[in-house]
Amino acid sequence: MATDAQQACFEAGIKFGSLYHQFAGTPVSPSSTRSLEAAMAEAIENQPFCESVSVAIHDDRVADAIDHENGYTELTGSLMDVEMRIAYEGVTVRTRMTMRDGYPLMELVGVDDEADGTPGSGTTN
């Protein structure tokens, strides 16, 4: 049986998989980044245990990725940063996705367990 902290981390992984694989390949341009950010965050926030999602699509990266006259590119992890907060049975998991060495790395930032009275326990960098 999984602990509450393990289940919270699992839930975070599910949300990241859903976000990335649902939206990767979506046409995006500098003029559509804000609406796409909002749509992505709102879609993932609908899932159970999701407290918050923050999506930042970088206009400069999008503009640099456009290589044809149609004025858009496909959304990839290299164009955005994402942060999520998942809460499950008194455990809050904080995660993020940022570029690291040319790869969109999804990582656990911290686990706060209210049940054991140690906010910040399990925090990693």
PDB file of N, CA and C in Angstrom:
ATOM      1  N   MET A   1       0.837  -1.179   0.000  1.00  0.00           N
ATOM      2  CA  MET A   1       0.000   0.000   0.000  1.00  0.00           C
ATOM      3  C   MET A   1       0.887   1.250   0.000  1.00  0.00           C
ATOM      4  N   ALA A   2       0.550   2.189  -0.858  1.00  0.00           N
ATOM      5  CA  ALA A   2       1.322   3.425  -0.971  1.00  0.00           C
ATOM      6  C   ALA A   2       1.023   4.360   0.196  1.00  0.00           C
ATOM      7  N   THR A   3       2.030   5.102   0.605  1.00  0.00           N
ATOM      8  CA  THR A   3       1.817   6.131   1.626  1.00  0.00           C
ATOM      9  C   THR A   3       1.094   7.306   0.973  1.00  0.00           C
ATOM     10  N   ASP A   4       0.553   8.204   1.797  1.00  0.00           N
ATOM     11  CA  ASP A   4      -0.097   9.394   1.254  1.00  0.00           C
ATOM     12  C   ASP A   4       0.881  10.237   0.437  1.00  0.00           C
ATOM     13  N   ALA A   5       2.125  10.348   0.899  1.00  0.00           N
ATOM     14  CA  ALA A   5       3.127  11.116   0.164  1.00  0.00           C
ATOM     15  C   ALA A   5       3.422  10.459  -1.186  1.00  0.00           C
ATOM     16  N   GLN A   6       3.536   9.143  -1.216  1.00  0.00           N
ATOM     17  CA  GLN A   6       3.774   8.447  -2.478  1.00  0.00           C
ATOM     18  C   GLN A   6       2.594   8.626  -3.431  1.00  0.00           C
ATOM     19  N   GLN A   7       1.388   8.547  -2.900  1.00  0.00           N
ATOM     20  CA  GLN A   7       0.202   8.719  -3.741  1.00  0.00           C
ATOM     21  C   GLN A   7       0.136  10.143  -4.286  1.00  0.00           C
ATOM     22  N   ALA A   8       0.491  11.131  -3.465  1.00  0.00           N
ATOM     23  CA  ALA A   8       0.502  12.525  -3.921  1.00  0.00           C
ATOM     24  C   ALA A   8       1.514  12.710  -5.049  1.00  0.00           C
ATOM     25  N   CYS A   9       2.683  12.086  -4.928  1.00  0.00           N
ATOM     26  CA  CYS A   9       3.699  12.168  -5.981  1.00  0.00           C
ATOM     27  C   CYS A   9       3.211  11.481  -7.253  1.00  0.00           C
ATOM     28  N   PHE A  10       2.546  10.350  -7.103  1.00  0.00           N
ATOM     29  CA  PHE A  10       1.969   9.658  -8.250  1.00  0.00           C
ATOM     30  C   PHE A  10       0.958  10.561  -8.954  1.00  0.00           C
ATOM     31  N   GLU A  11       0.083  11.201  -8.179  1.00  0.00           N
ATOM     32  CA  GLU A  11      -0.917  12.106  -8.755  1.00  0.00           C
ATOM     33  C   GLU A  11      -0.244  13.232  -9.530  1.00  0.00           C
ATOM     34  N   ALA A  12       0.856  13.757  -8.994  1.00  0.00           N
ATOM     35  CA  ALA A  12       1.583  14.818  -9.704  1.00  0.00           C
ATOM     36  C   ALA A  12       2.106  14.308 -11.041  1.00  0.00           C
ATOM     37  N   GLY A  13       2.635  13.092 -11.060  1.00  0.00           N
ATOM     38  CA  GLY A  13       3.131  12.511 -12.302  1.00  0.00           C
ATOM     39  C   GLY A  13       2.032  12.341 -13.342  1.00  0.00           C
ATOM     40  N   ILE A  14       0.853  11.921 -12.886  1.00  0.00           N
ATOM     41  CA  ILE A  14      -0.283  11.765 -13.788  1.00  0.00           C
ATOM     42  C   ILE A  14      -0.638  13.116 -14.416  1.00  0.00           C
ATOM     43  N   LYS A  15      -0.651  14.158 -13.602  1.00  0.00           N
ATOM     44  CA  LYS A  15      -1.014  15.480 -14.117  1.00  0.00           C
ATOM     45  C   LYS A  15       0.008  15.971 -15.141  1.00  0.00           C
ATOM     46  N   PHE A  16       1.304  15.760 -14.856  1.00  0.00           N
ATOM     47  CA  PHE A  16       2.325  16.184 -15.812  1.00  0.00           C
ATOM     48  C   PHE A  16       2.218  15.406 -17.114  1.00  0.00           C
ATOM     49  N   GLY A  17       2.005  14.102 -17.024  1.00  0.00           N
ATOM     50  CA  GLY A  17       1.848  13.296 -18.238  1.00  0.00           C
ATOM     51  C   GLY A  17       0.674  13.775 -19.060  1.00  0.00           C
ATOM     52  N   SER A  18      -0.420  14.070 -18.389  1.00  0.00           N
ATOM     53  CA  SER A  18      -1.613  14.554 -19.073  1.00  0.00           C
ATOM     54  C   SER A  18      -1.345  15.903 -19.728  1.00  0.00           C
ATOM     55  N   LEU A  19      -0.761  16.819 -18.994  1.00  0.00           N
ATOM     56  CA  LEU A  19      -0.491  18.155 -19.529  1.00  0.00           C
ATOM     57  C   LEU A  19       0.427  18.082 -20.738  1.00  0.00           C
ATOM     58  N   TYR A  20       1.528  17.386 -20.586  1.00  0.00           N
ATOM     59  CA  TYR A  20       2.518  17.381 -21.658  1.00  0.00           C
ATOM     60  C   TYR A  20       1.995  16.679 -22.904  1.00  0.00           C
ATOM     61  N   HIS A  21       1.441  15.507 -22.732  1.00  0.00           N
ATOM     62  CA  HIS A  21       1.053  14.721 -23.900  1.00  0.00           C
ATOM     63  C   HIS A  21      -0.272  15.158 -24.511  1.00  0.00           C
ATOM     64  N   GLN A  22      -1.076  15.862 -23.755  1.00  0.00           N
ATOM     65  CA  GLN A  22      -2.309  16.397 -24.315  1.00  0.00           C
ATOM     66  C   GLN A  22      -2.031  17.625 -25.176  1.00  0.00           C
ATOM     67  N   PHE A  23      -1.071  18.446 -24.778  1.00  0.00           N
ATOM     68  CA  PHE A  23      -0.870  19.725 -25.450  1.00  0.00           C
ATOM     69  C   PHE A  23       0.365  19.792 -26.349  1.00  0.00           C
ATOM     70  N   ALA A  24       1.304  18.862 -26.227  1.00  0.00           N
ATOM     71  CA  ALA A  24       2.472  18.872 -27.118  1.00  0.00           C
ATOM     72  C   ALA A  24       1.981  18.776 -28.559  1.00  0.00           C
ATOM     73  N   GLY A  25       2.501  19.626 -29.403  1.00  0.00           N
ATOM     74  CA  GLY A  25       2.107  19.642 -30.807  1.00  0.00           C
ATOM     75  C   GLY A  25       1.022  20.649 -31.134  1.00  0.00           C
ATOM     76  N   THR A  26       0.444  21.278 -30.106  1.00  0.00           N
ATOM     77  CA  THR A  26      -0.581  22.296 -30.341  1.00  0.00           C
ATOM     78  C   THR A  26       0.034  23.481 -31.086  1.00  0.00           C
ATOM     79  N   PRO A  27      -0.598  23.973 -32.133  1.00  0.00           N
ATOM     80  CA  PRO A  27      -0.082  25.169 -32.805  1.00  0.00           C
ATOM     81  C   PRO A  27      -0.091  26.358 -31.836  1.00  0.00           C
ATOM     82  N   VAL A  28       1.009  27.092 -31.797  1.00  0.00           N
ATOM     83  CA  VAL A  28       1.120  28.244 -30.906  1.00  0.00           C
ATOM     84  C   VAL A  28       1.903  29.343 -31.611  1.00  0.00           C
ATOM     85  N   SER A  29       1.483  30.578 -31.351  1.00  0.00           N
ATOM     86  CA  SER A  29       2.181  31.761 -31.861  1.00  0.00           C
ATOM     87  C   SER A  29       2.295  32.743 -30.701  1.00  0.00           C
ATOM     88  N   PRO A  30       3.128  33.758 -30.848  1.00  0.00           N
ATOM     89  CA  PRO A  30       3.223  34.739 -29.762  1.00  0.00           C
ATOM     90  C   PRO A  30       1.877  35.370 -29.417  1.00  0.00           C
ATOM     91  N   SER A  31       0.971  35.453 -30.351  1.00  0.00           N
ATOM     92  CA  SER A  31      -0.330  36.063 -30.057  1.00  0.00           C
ATOM     93  C   SER A  31      -1.301  35.109 -29.358  1.00  0.00           C
ATOM     94  N   SER A  32      -0.975  33.825 -29.295  1.00  0.00           N
ATOM     95  CA  SER A  32      -1.894  32.875 -28.658  1.00  0.00           C
ATOM     96  C   SER A  32      -1.357  32.259 -27.372  1.00  0.00           C
ATOM     97  N   THR A  33      -0.184  32.686 -26.927  1.00  0.00           N
ATOM     98  CA  THR A  33       0.425  32.041 -25.754  1.00  0.00           C
ATOM     99  C   THR A  33      -0.402  32.209 -24.483  1.00  0.00           C
ATOM    100  N   ARG A  34      -0.946  33.399 -24.226  1.00  0.00           N
ATOM    101  CA  ARG A  34      -1.700  33.607 -22.978  1.00  0.00           C
ATOM    102  C   ARG A  34      -2.947  32.727 -22.930  1.00  0.00           C
ATOM    103  N   SER A  35      -3.668  32.643 -24.036  1.00  0.00           N
ATOM    104  CA  SER A  35      -4.889  31.831 -24.019  1.00  0.00           C
ATOM    105  C   SER A  35      -4.556  30.347 -23.901  1.00  0.00           C
ATOM    106  N   LEU A  36      -3.461  29.917 -24.500  1.00  0.00           N
ATOM    107  CA  LEU A  36      -3.059  28.516 -24.386  1.00  0.00           C
ATOM    108  C   LEU A  36      -2.601  28.200 -22.966  1.00  0.00           C
ATOM    109  N   GLU A  37      -1.857  29.126 -22.353  1.00  0.00           N
ATOM    110  CA  GLU A  37      -1.457  28.937 -20.948  1.00  0.00           C
ATOM    111  C   GLU A  37      -2.687  28.721 -20.070  1.00  0.00           C
ATOM    112  N   ALA A  38      -3.685  29.580 -20.228  1.00  0.00           N
ATOM    113  CA  ALA A  38      -4.898  29.493 -19.410  1.00  0.00           C
ATOM    114  C   ALA A  38      -5.643  28.188 -19.674  1.00  0.00           C
ATOM    115  N   ALA A  39      -5.759  27.802 -20.933  1.00  0.00           N
ATOM    116  CA  ALA A  39      -6.462  26.565 -21.271  1.00  0.00           C
ATOM    117  C   ALA A  39      -5.767  25.350 -20.666  1.00  0.00           C
ATOM    118  N   MET A  40      -4.445  25.334 -20.733  1.00  0.00           N
ATOM    119  CA  MET A  40      -3.687  24.208 -20.182  1.00  0.00           C
ATOM    120  C   MET A  40      -3.873  24.127 -18.667  1.00  0.00           C
ATOM    121  N   ALA A  41      -3.709  25.250 -17.998  1.00  0.00           N
ATOM    122  CA  ALA A  41      -3.837  25.264 -16.542  1.00  0.00           C
ATOM    123  C   ALA A  41      -5.241  24.862 -16.113  1.00  0.00           C
ATOM    124  N   GLU A  42      -6.246  25.426 -16.753  1.00  0.00           N
ATOM    125  CA  GLU A  42      -7.628  25.119 -16.375  1.00  0.00           C
ATOM    126  C   GLU A  42      -7.977  23.664 -16.640  1.00  0.00           C
ATOM    127  N   ALA A  43      -7.477  23.098 -17.728  1.00  0.00           N
ATOM    128  CA  ALA A  43      -7.758  21.694 -18.030  1.00  0.00           C
ATOM    129  C   ALA A  43      -7.169  20.775 -16.969  1.00  0.00           C
ATOM    130  N   ILE A  44      -5.940  21.022 -16.572  1.00  0.00           N
ATOM    131  CA  ILE A  44      -5.291  20.146 -15.593  1.00  0.00           C
ATOM    132  C   ILE A  44      -5.872  20.368 -14.200  1.00  0.00           C
ATOM    133  N   GLU A  45      -6.242  21.609 -13.870  1.00  0.00           N
ATOM    134  CA  GLU A  45      -6.839  21.882 -12.560  1.00  0.00           C
ATOM    135  C   GLU A  45      -8.170  21.156 -12.362  1.00  0.00           C
ATOM    136  N   ASN A  46      -8.812  20.705 -13.442  1.00  0.00           N
ATOM    137  CA  ASN A  46     -10.042  19.928 -13.318  1.00  0.00           C
ATOM    138  C   ASN A  46      -9.807  18.554 -12.689  1.00  0.00           C
ATOM    139  N   GLN A  47      -8.587  18.066 -12.739  1.00  0.00           N
ATOM    140  CA  GLN A  47      -8.298  16.721 -12.259  1.00  0.00           C
ATOM    141  C   GLN A  47      -8.302  16.676 -10.724  1.00  0.00           C
ATOM    142  N   PRO A  48      -8.631  15.502 -10.178  1.00  0.00           N
ATOM    143  CA  PRO A  48      -8.674  15.364  -8.715  1.00  0.00           C
ATOM    144  C   PRO A  48      -7.337  15.707  -8.062  1.00  0.00           C
ATOM    145  N   PHE A  49      -7.418  16.319  -6.891  1.00  0.00           N
ATOM    146  CA  PHE A  49      -6.279  16.622  -6.015  1.00  0.00           C
ATOM    147  C   PHE A  49      -5.379  17.750  -6.524  1.00  0.00           C
ATOM    148  N   CYS A  50      -5.720  18.364  -7.643  1.00  0.00           N
ATOM    149  CA  CYS A  50      -4.890  19.430  -8.202  1.00  0.00           C
ATOM    150  C   CYS A  50      -5.299  20.760  -7.576  1.00  0.00           C
ATOM    151  N   GLU A  51      -4.389  21.387  -6.851  1.00  0.00           N
ATOM    152  CA  GLU A  51      -4.675  22.674  -6.224  1.00  0.00           C
ATOM    153  C   GLU A  51      -4.369  23.841  -7.145  1.00  0.00           C
ATOM    154  N   SER A  52      -3.263  23.771  -7.868  1.00  0.00           N
ATOM    155  CA  SER A  52      -2.930  24.876  -8.765  1.00  0.00           C
ATOM    156  C   SER A  52      -1.969  24.420  -9.847  1.00  0.00           C
ATOM    157  N   VAL A  53      -2.078  25.097 -10.976  1.00  0.00           N
ATOM    158  CA  VAL A  53      -1.183  24.868 -12.113  1.00  0.00           C
ATOM    159  C   VAL A  53      -0.808  26.232 -12.671  1.00  0.00           C
ATOM    160  N   SER A  54       0.463  26.437 -12.911  1.00  0.00           N
ATOM    161  CA  SER A  54       0.945  27.661 -13.529  1.00  0.00           C
ATOM    162  C   SER A  54       1.727  27.276 -14.781  1.00  0.00           C
ATOM    163  N   VAL A  55       1.296  27.796 -15.918  1.00  0.00           N
ATOM    164  CA  VAL A  55       1.966  27.528 -17.196  1.00  0.00           C
ATOM    165  C   VAL A  55       2.487  28.848 -17.734  1.00  0.00           C
ATOM    166  N   ALA A  56       3.771  28.897 -18.061  1.00  0.00           N
ATOM    167  CA  ALA A  56       4.380  30.081 -18.667  1.00  0.00           C
ATOM    168  C   ALA A  56       4.975  29.675 -20.007  1.00  0.00           C
ATOM    169  N   ILE A  57       4.329  30.102 -21.088  1.00  0.00           N
ATOM    170  CA  ILE A  57       4.863  29.874 -22.428  1.00  0.00           C
ATOM    171  C   ILE A  57       5.637  31.129 -22.807  1.00  0.00           C
ATOM    172  N   HIS A  58       6.897  30.959 -23.149  1.00  0.00           N
ATOM    173  CA  HIS A  58       7.786  32.091 -23.389  1.00  0.00           C
ATOM    174  C   HIS A  58       7.661  32.594 -24.824  1.00  0.00           C
ATOM    175  N   ASP A  59       7.151  33.814 -24.954  1.00  0.00           N
ATOM    176  CA  ASP A  59       6.921  34.405 -26.273  1.00  0.00           C
ATOM    177  C   ASP A  59       8.194  34.439 -27.120  1.00  0.00           C
ATOM    178  N   ASP A  60       9.323  34.760 -26.502  1.00  0.00           N
ATOM    179  CA  ASP A  60      10.566  34.843 -27.259  1.00  0.00           C
ATOM    180  C   ASP A  60      10.979  33.477 -27.797  1.00  0.00           C
ATOM    181  N   ARG A  61      10.785  32.434 -27.015  1.00  0.00           N
ATOM    182  CA  ARG A  61      11.116  31.081 -27.479  1.00  0.00           C
ATOM    183  C   ARG A  61      10.170  30.660 -28.611  1.00  0.00           C
ATOM    184  N   VAL A  62       8.893  31.016 -28.472  1.00  0.00           N
ATOM    185  CA  VAL A  62       7.916  30.695 -29.518  1.00  0.00           C
ATOM    186  C   VAL A  62       8.310  31.401 -30.811  1.00  0.00           C
ATOM    187  N   ALA A  63       8.594  32.693 -30.725  1.00  0.00           N
ATOM    188  CA  ALA A  63       8.969  33.463 -31.924  1.00  0.00           C
ATOM    189  C   ALA A  63      10.219  32.883 -32.572  1.00  0.00           C
ATOM    190  N   ASP A  64      11.197  32.500 -31.767  1.00  0.00           N
ATOM    191  CA  ASP A  64      12.429  31.921 -32.312  1.00  0.00           C
ATOM    192  C   ASP A  64      12.192  30.566 -32.977  1.00  0.00           C
ATOM    193  N   ALA A  65      11.166  29.833 -32.539  1.00  0.00           N
ATOM    194  CA  ALA A  65      10.893  28.494 -33.073  1.00  0.00           C
ATOM    195  C   ALA A  65      10.084  28.520 -34.375  1.00  0.00           C
ATOM    196  N   ILE A  66       9.518  29.673 -34.711  1.00  0.00           N
ATOM    197  CA  ILE A  66       8.722  29.779 -35.946  1.00  0.00           C
ATOM    198  C   ILE A  66       9.672  29.822 -37.128  1.00  0.00           C
ATOM    199  N   ASP A  67       9.557  28.828 -38.014  1.00  0.00           N
ATOM    200  CA  ASP A  67      10.501  28.751 -39.129  1.00  0.00           C
ATOM    201  C   ASP A  67       9.808  28.694 -40.489  1.00  0.00           C
ATOM    202  N   HIS A  68       8.586  29.213 -40.557  1.00  0.00           N
ATOM    203  CA  HIS A  68       7.868  29.262 -41.833  1.00  0.00           C
ATOM    204  C   HIS A  68       6.940  30.463 -41.838  1.00  0.00           C
ATOM    205  N   GLU A  69       6.354  30.754 -42.975  1.00  0.00           N
ATOM    206  CA  GLU A  69       5.550  31.967 -43.130  1.00  0.00           C
ATOM    207  C   GLU A  69       4.168  31.891 -42.504  1.00  0.00           C
ATOM    208  N   ASN A  70       3.768  30.761 -41.965  1.00  0.00           N
ATOM    209  CA  ASN A  70       2.428  30.641 -41.385  1.00  0.00           C
ATOM    210  C   ASN A  70       2.307  31.280 -40.002  1.00  0.00           C
ATOM    211  N   GLY A  71       3.408  31.631 -39.384  1.00  0.00           N
ATOM    212  CA  GLY A  71       3.379  32.405 -38.148  1.00  0.00           C
ATOM    213  C   GLY A  71       3.128  31.629 -36.867  1.00  0.00           C
ATOM    214  N   TYR A  72       3.323  30.318 -36.895  1.00  0.00           N
ATOM    215  CA  TYR A  72       3.156  29.545 -35.664  1.00  0.00           C
ATOM    216  C   TYR A  72       4.168  28.405 -35.634  1.00  0.00           C
ATOM    217  N   THR A  73       4.283  27.788 -34.476  1.00  0.00           N
ATOM    218  CA  THR A  73       5.104  26.596 -34.314  1.00  0.00           C
ATOM    219  C   THR A  73       4.310  25.606 -33.466  1.00  0.00           C
ATOM    220  N   GLU A  74       4.853  24.439 -33.252  1.00  0.00           N
ATOM    221  CA  GLU A  74       4.195  23.450 -32.402  1.00  0.00           C
ATOM    222  C   GLU A  74       4.729  23.570 -30.985  1.00  0.00           C
ATOM    223  N   LEU A  75       3.837  23.476 -30.015  1.00  0.00           N
ATOM    224  CA  LEU A  75       4.226  23.566 -28.607  1.00  0.00           C
ATOM    225  C   LEU A  75       5.081  22.367 -28.210  1.00  0.00           C
ATOM    226  N   THR A  76       6.196  22.660 -27.590  1.00  0.00           N
ATOM    227  CA  THR A  76       7.075  21.630 -27.023  1.00  0.00           C
ATOM    228  C   THR A  76       7.475  22.065 -25.626  1.00  0.00           C
ATOM    229  N   GLY A  77       8.057  21.161 -24.888  1.00  0.00           N
ATOM    230  CA  GLY A  77       8.510  21.477 -23.543  1.00  0.00           C
ATOM    231  C   GLY A  77       9.542  22.571 -23.492  1.00  0.00           C
ATOM    232  N   SER A  78      10.293  22.749 -24.570  1.00  0.00           N
ATOM    233  CA  SER A  78      11.329  23.780 -24.593  1.00  0.00           C
ATOM    234  C   SER A  78      10.760  25.189 -24.619  1.00  0.00           C
ATOM    235  N   LEU A  79       9.466  25.325 -24.877  1.00  0.00           N
ATOM    236  CA  LEU A  79       8.845  26.641 -24.986  1.00  0.00           C
ATOM    237  C   LEU A  79       8.159  27.097 -23.704  1.00  0.00           C
ATOM    238  N   MET A  80       8.126  26.243 -22.675  1.00  0.00           N
ATOM    239  CA  MET A  80       7.323  26.583 -21.492  1.00  0.00           C
ATOM    240  C   MET A  80       7.957  26.109 -20.198  1.00  0.00           C
ATOM    241  N   ASP A  81       7.507  26.741 -19.130  1.00  0.00           N
ATOM    242  CA  ASP A  81       7.793  26.312 -17.760  1.00  0.00           C
ATOM    243  C   ASP A  81       6.452  26.065 -17.092  1.00  0.00           C
ATOM    244  N   VAL A  82       6.388  25.036 -16.264  1.00  0.00           N
ATOM    245  CA  VAL A  82       5.142  24.668 -15.598  1.00  0.00           C
ATOM    246  C   VAL A  82       5.421  24.405 -14.126  1.00  0.00           C
ATOM    247  N   GLU A  83       4.520  24.856 -13.267  1.00  0.00           N
ATOM    248  CA  GLU A  83       4.562  24.517 -11.840  1.00  0.00           C
ATOM    249  C   GLU A  83       3.194  23.995 -11.439  1.00  0.00           C
ATOM    250  N   MET A  84       3.186  22.986 -10.554  1.00  0.00           N
ATOM    251  CA  MET A  84       1.931  22.427 -10.060  1.00  0.00           C
ATOM    252  C   MET A  84       2.016  22.201  -8.565  1.00  0.00           C
ATOM    253  N   ARG A  85       0.844  22.284  -7.951  1.00  0.00           N
ATOM    254  CA  ARG A  85       0.715  21.929  -6.530  1.00  0.00           C
ATOM    255  C   ARG A  85      -0.429  20.928  -6.415  1.00  0.00           C
ATOM    256  N   ILE A  86      -0.119  19.757  -5.873  1.00  0.00           N
ATOM    257  CA  ILE A  86      -1.068  18.666  -5.717  1.00  0.00           C
ATOM    258  C   ILE A  86      -1.242  18.412  -4.223  1.00  0.00           C
ATOM    259  N   ALA A  87      -2.492  18.247  -3.779  1.00  0.00           N
ATOM    260  CA  ALA A  87      -2.767  17.967  -2.359  1.00  0.00           C
ATOM    261  C   ALA A  87      -3.536  16.659  -2.258  1.00  0.00           C
ATOM    262  N   TYR A  88      -3.030  15.763  -1.417  1.00  0.00           N
ATOM    263  CA  TYR A  88      -3.661  14.462  -1.213  1.00  0.00           C
ATOM    264  C   TYR A  88      -3.555  14.084   0.263  1.00  0.00           C
ATOM    265  N   GLU A  89      -4.687  13.983   0.930  1.00  0.00           N
ATOM    266  CA  GLU A  89      -4.750  13.493   2.319  1.00  0.00           C
ATOM    267  C   GLU A  89      -3.733  14.175   3.239  1.00  0.00           C
ATOM    268  N   GLY A  90      -3.679  15.500   3.185  1.00  0.00           N
ATOM    269  CA  GLY A  90      -2.786  16.242   4.078  1.00  0.00           C
ATOM    270  C   GLY A  90      -1.360  16.381   3.589  1.00  0.00           C
ATOM    271  N   VAL A  91      -1.064  15.862   2.420  1.00  0.00           N
ATOM    272  CA  VAL A  91       0.276  15.985   1.833  1.00  0.00           C
ATOM    273  C   VAL A  91       0.176  16.900   0.616  1.00  0.00           C
ATOM    274  N   THR A  92       1.041  17.897   0.556  1.00  0.00           N
ATOM    275  CA  THR A  92       1.098  18.791  -0.597  1.00  0.00           C
ATOM    276  C   THR A  92       2.414  18.559  -1.323  1.00  0.00           C
ATOM    277  N   VAL A  93       2.307  18.318  -2.622  1.00  0.00           N
ATOM    278  CA  VAL A  93       3.474  18.078  -3.462  1.00  0.00           C
ATOM    279  C   VAL A  93       3.620  19.262  -4.400  1.00  0.00           C
ATOM    280  N   ARG A  94       4.830  19.786  -4.476  1.00  0.00           N
ATOM    281  CA  ARG A  94       5.135  20.878  -5.395  1.00  0.00           C
ATOM    282  C   ARG A  94       6.072  20.344  -6.478  1.00  0.00           C
ATOM    283  N   THR A  95       5.735  20.641  -7.738  1.00  0.00           N
ATOM    284  CA  THR A  95       6.510  20.146  -8.870  1.00  0.00           C
ATOM    285  C   THR A  95       6.749  21.272  -9.868  1.00  0.00           C
ATOM    286  N   ARG A  96       7.676  21.016 -10.782  1.00  0.00           N
ATOM    287  CA  ARG A  96       7.915  21.987 -11.856  1.00  0.00           C
ATOM    288  C   ARG A  96       8.503  21.264 -13.063  1.00  0.00           C
ATOM    289  N   MET A  97       8.360  21.925 -14.194  1.00  0.00           N
ATOM    290  CA  MET A  97       8.999  21.486 -15.429  1.00  0.00           C
ATOM    291  C   MET A  97       9.759  22.679 -15.978  1.00  0.00           C
ATOM    292  N   THR A  98      11.051  22.513 -16.135  1.00  0.00           N
ATOM    293  CA  THR A  98      11.897  23.548 -16.719  1.00  0.00           C
ATOM    294  C   THR A  98      12.910  22.860 -17.632  1.00  0.00           C
ATOM    295  N   MET A  99      13.521  23.648 -18.463  1.00  0.00           N
ATOM    296  CA  MET A  99      14.545  23.109 -19.353  1.00  0.00           C
ATOM    297  C   MET A  99      15.838  22.889 -18.569  1.00  0.00           C
ATOM    298  N   ARG A 100      16.404  21.724 -18.742  1.00  0.00           N
ATOM    299  CA  ARG A 100      17.697  21.421 -18.137  1.00  0.00           C
ATOM    300  C   ARG A 100      18.516  20.636 -19.156  1.00  0.00           C
ATOM    301  N   ASP A 101      19.640  21.201 -19.554  1.00  0.00           N
ATOM    302  CA  ASP A 101      20.520  20.575 -20.544  1.00  0.00           C
ATOM    303  C   ASP A 101      19.769  20.214 -21.818  1.00  0.00           C
ATOM    304  N   GLY A 102      18.889  21.127 -22.271  1.00  0.00           N
ATOM    305  CA  GLY A 102      18.165  20.926 -23.511  1.00  0.00           C
ATOM    306  C   GLY A 102      16.989  19.978 -23.432  1.00  0.00           C
ATOM    307  N   TYR A 103      16.574  19.600 -22.227  1.00  0.00           N
ATOM    308  CA  TYR A 103      15.483  18.643 -22.049  1.00  0.00           C
ATOM    309  C   TYR A 103      14.451  19.214 -21.082  1.00  0.00           C
ATOM    310  N   PRO A 104      13.151  19.083 -21.385  1.00  0.00           N
ATOM    311  CA  PRO A 104      12.131  19.564 -20.440  1.00  0.00           C
ATOM    312  C   PRO A 104      11.991  18.586 -19.273  1.00  0.00           C
ATOM    313  N   LEU A 105      12.655  18.894 -18.167  1.00  0.00           N
ATOM    314  CA  LEU A 105      12.706  18.008 -17.006  1.00  0.00           C
ATOM    315  C   LEU A 105      11.548  18.304 -16.057  1.00  0.00           C
ATOM    316  N   MET A 106      10.782  17.276 -15.734  1.00  0.00           N
ATOM    317  CA  MET A 106       9.710  17.381 -14.741  1.00  0.00           C
ATOM    318  C   MET A 106      10.279  16.862 -13.434  1.00  0.00           C
ATOM    319  N   GLU A 107      10.175  17.684 -12.383  1.00  0.00           N
ATOM    320  CA  GLU A 107      10.818  17.286 -11.136  1.00  0.00           C
ATOM    321  C   GLU A 107       9.985  17.623  -9.916  1.00  0.00           C
ATOM    322  N   LEU A 108      10.239  16.875  -8.874  1.00  0.00           N
ATOM    323  CA  LEU A 108       9.630  17.088  -7.578  1.00  0.00           C
ATOM    324  C   LEU A 108      10.419  18.182  -6.866  1.00  0.00           C
ATOM    325  N   VAL A 109       9.732  19.236  -6.468  1.00  0.00           N
ATOM    326  CA  VAL A 109      10.387  20.340  -5.774  1.00  0.00           C
ATOM    327  C   VAL A 109      10.315  20.139  -4.264  1.00  0.00           C
ATOM    328  N   GLY A 110       9.158  19.664  -3.783  1.00  0.00           N
ATOM    329  CA  GLY A 110       9.032  19.460  -2.351  1.00  0.00           C
ATOM    330  C   GLY A 110       7.781  18.690  -1.990  1.00  0.00           C
ATOM    331  N   VAL A 111       7.836  18.089  -0.816  1.00  0.00           N
ATOM    332  CA  VAL A 111       6.703  17.360  -0.253  1.00  0.00           C
ATOM    333  C   VAL A 111       6.482  17.901   1.147  1.00  0.00           C
ATOM    334  N   ASP A 112       5.298  18.460   1.389  1.00  0.00           N
ATOM    335  CA  ASP A 112       4.950  18.997   2.698  1.00  0.00           C
ATOM    336  C   ASP A 112       3.882  18.099   3.301  1.00  0.00           C
ATOM    337  N   ASP A 113       4.205  17.457   4.417  1.00  0.00           N
ATOM    338  CA  ASP A 113       3.294  16.519   5.064  1.00  0.00           C
ATOM    339  C   ASP A 113       2.734  17.141   6.325  1.00  0.00           C
ATOM    340  N   GLU A 114       1.475  17.599   6.251  1.00  0.00           N
ATOM    341  CA  GLU A 114       0.831  18.217   7.413  1.00  0.00           C
ATOM    342  C   GLU A 114       0.608  17.212   8.534  1.00  0.00           C
ATOM    343  N   ALA A 115       0.468  15.940   8.187  1.00  0.00           N
ATOM    344  CA  ALA A 115       0.173  14.907   9.184  1.00  0.00           C
ATOM    345  C   ALA A 115       1.320  14.728  10.181  1.00  0.00           C
ATOM    346  N   ASP A 116       2.564  14.867   9.707  1.00  0.00           N
ATOM    347  CA  ASP A 116       3.676  14.671  10.645  1.00  0.00           C
ATOM    348  C   ASP A 116       4.207  16.001  11.186  1.00  0.00           C
ATOM    349  N   GLY A 117       3.537  17.101  10.820  1.00  0.00           N
ATOM    350  CA  GLY A 117       3.883  18.407  11.381  1.00  0.00           C
ATOM    351  C   GLY A 117       5.185  18.976  10.870  1.00  0.00           C
ATOM    352  N   THR A 118       5.673  18.498   9.742  1.00  0.00           N
ATOM    353  CA  THR A 118       6.946  18.993   9.239  1.00  0.00           C
ATOM    354  C   THR A 118       6.804  19.542   7.822  1.00  0.00           C
ATOM    355  N   PRO A 119       6.204  20.739   7.697  1.00  0.00           N
ATOM    356  CA  PRO A 119       6.145  21.341   6.371  1.00  0.00           C
ATOM    357  C   PRO A 119       7.549  21.457   5.785  1.00  0.00           C
ATOM    358  N   GLY A 120       7.641  21.124   4.533  1.00  0.00           N
ATOM    359  CA  GLY A 120       8.948  21.206   3.863  1.00  0.00           C
ATOM    360  C   GLY A 120       9.728  19.930   3.920  1.00  0.00           C
ATOM    361  N   SER A 121       9.254  18.917   4.665  1.00  0.00           N
ATOM    362  CA  SER A 121      10.008  17.663   4.722  1.00  0.00           C
ATOM    363  C   SER A 121      10.053  17.060   3.326  1.00  0.00           C
ATOM    364  N   GLY A 122      11.160  16.478   3.000  1.00  0.00           N
ATOM    365  CA  GLY A 122      11.307  15.861   1.700  1.00  0.00           C
ATOM    366  C   GLY A 122      11.613  16.838   0.577  1.00  0.00           C
ATOM    367  N   THR A 123      11.853  18.090   0.897  1.00  0.00           N
ATOM    368  CA  THR A 123      12.130  19.077  -0.132  1.00  0.00           C
ATOM    369  C   THR A 123      13.420  18.740  -0.839  1.00  0.00           C
ATOM    370  N   THR A 124      13.379  18.784  -2.149  1.00  0.00           N
ATOM    371  CA  THR A 124      14.563  18.512  -2.960  1.00  0.00           C
ATOM    372  C   THR A 124      14.833  19.677  -3.878  1.00  0.00           C
ATOM    373  N   ASN A 125      16.000  19.719  -4.448  1.00  0.00           N
ATOM    374  CA  ASN A 125      16.352  20.707  -5.456  1.00  0.00           C
ATOM    375  C   ASN A 125      16.870  20.032  -6.675  1.00  0.00           C
TER     376      ASN A 125
END
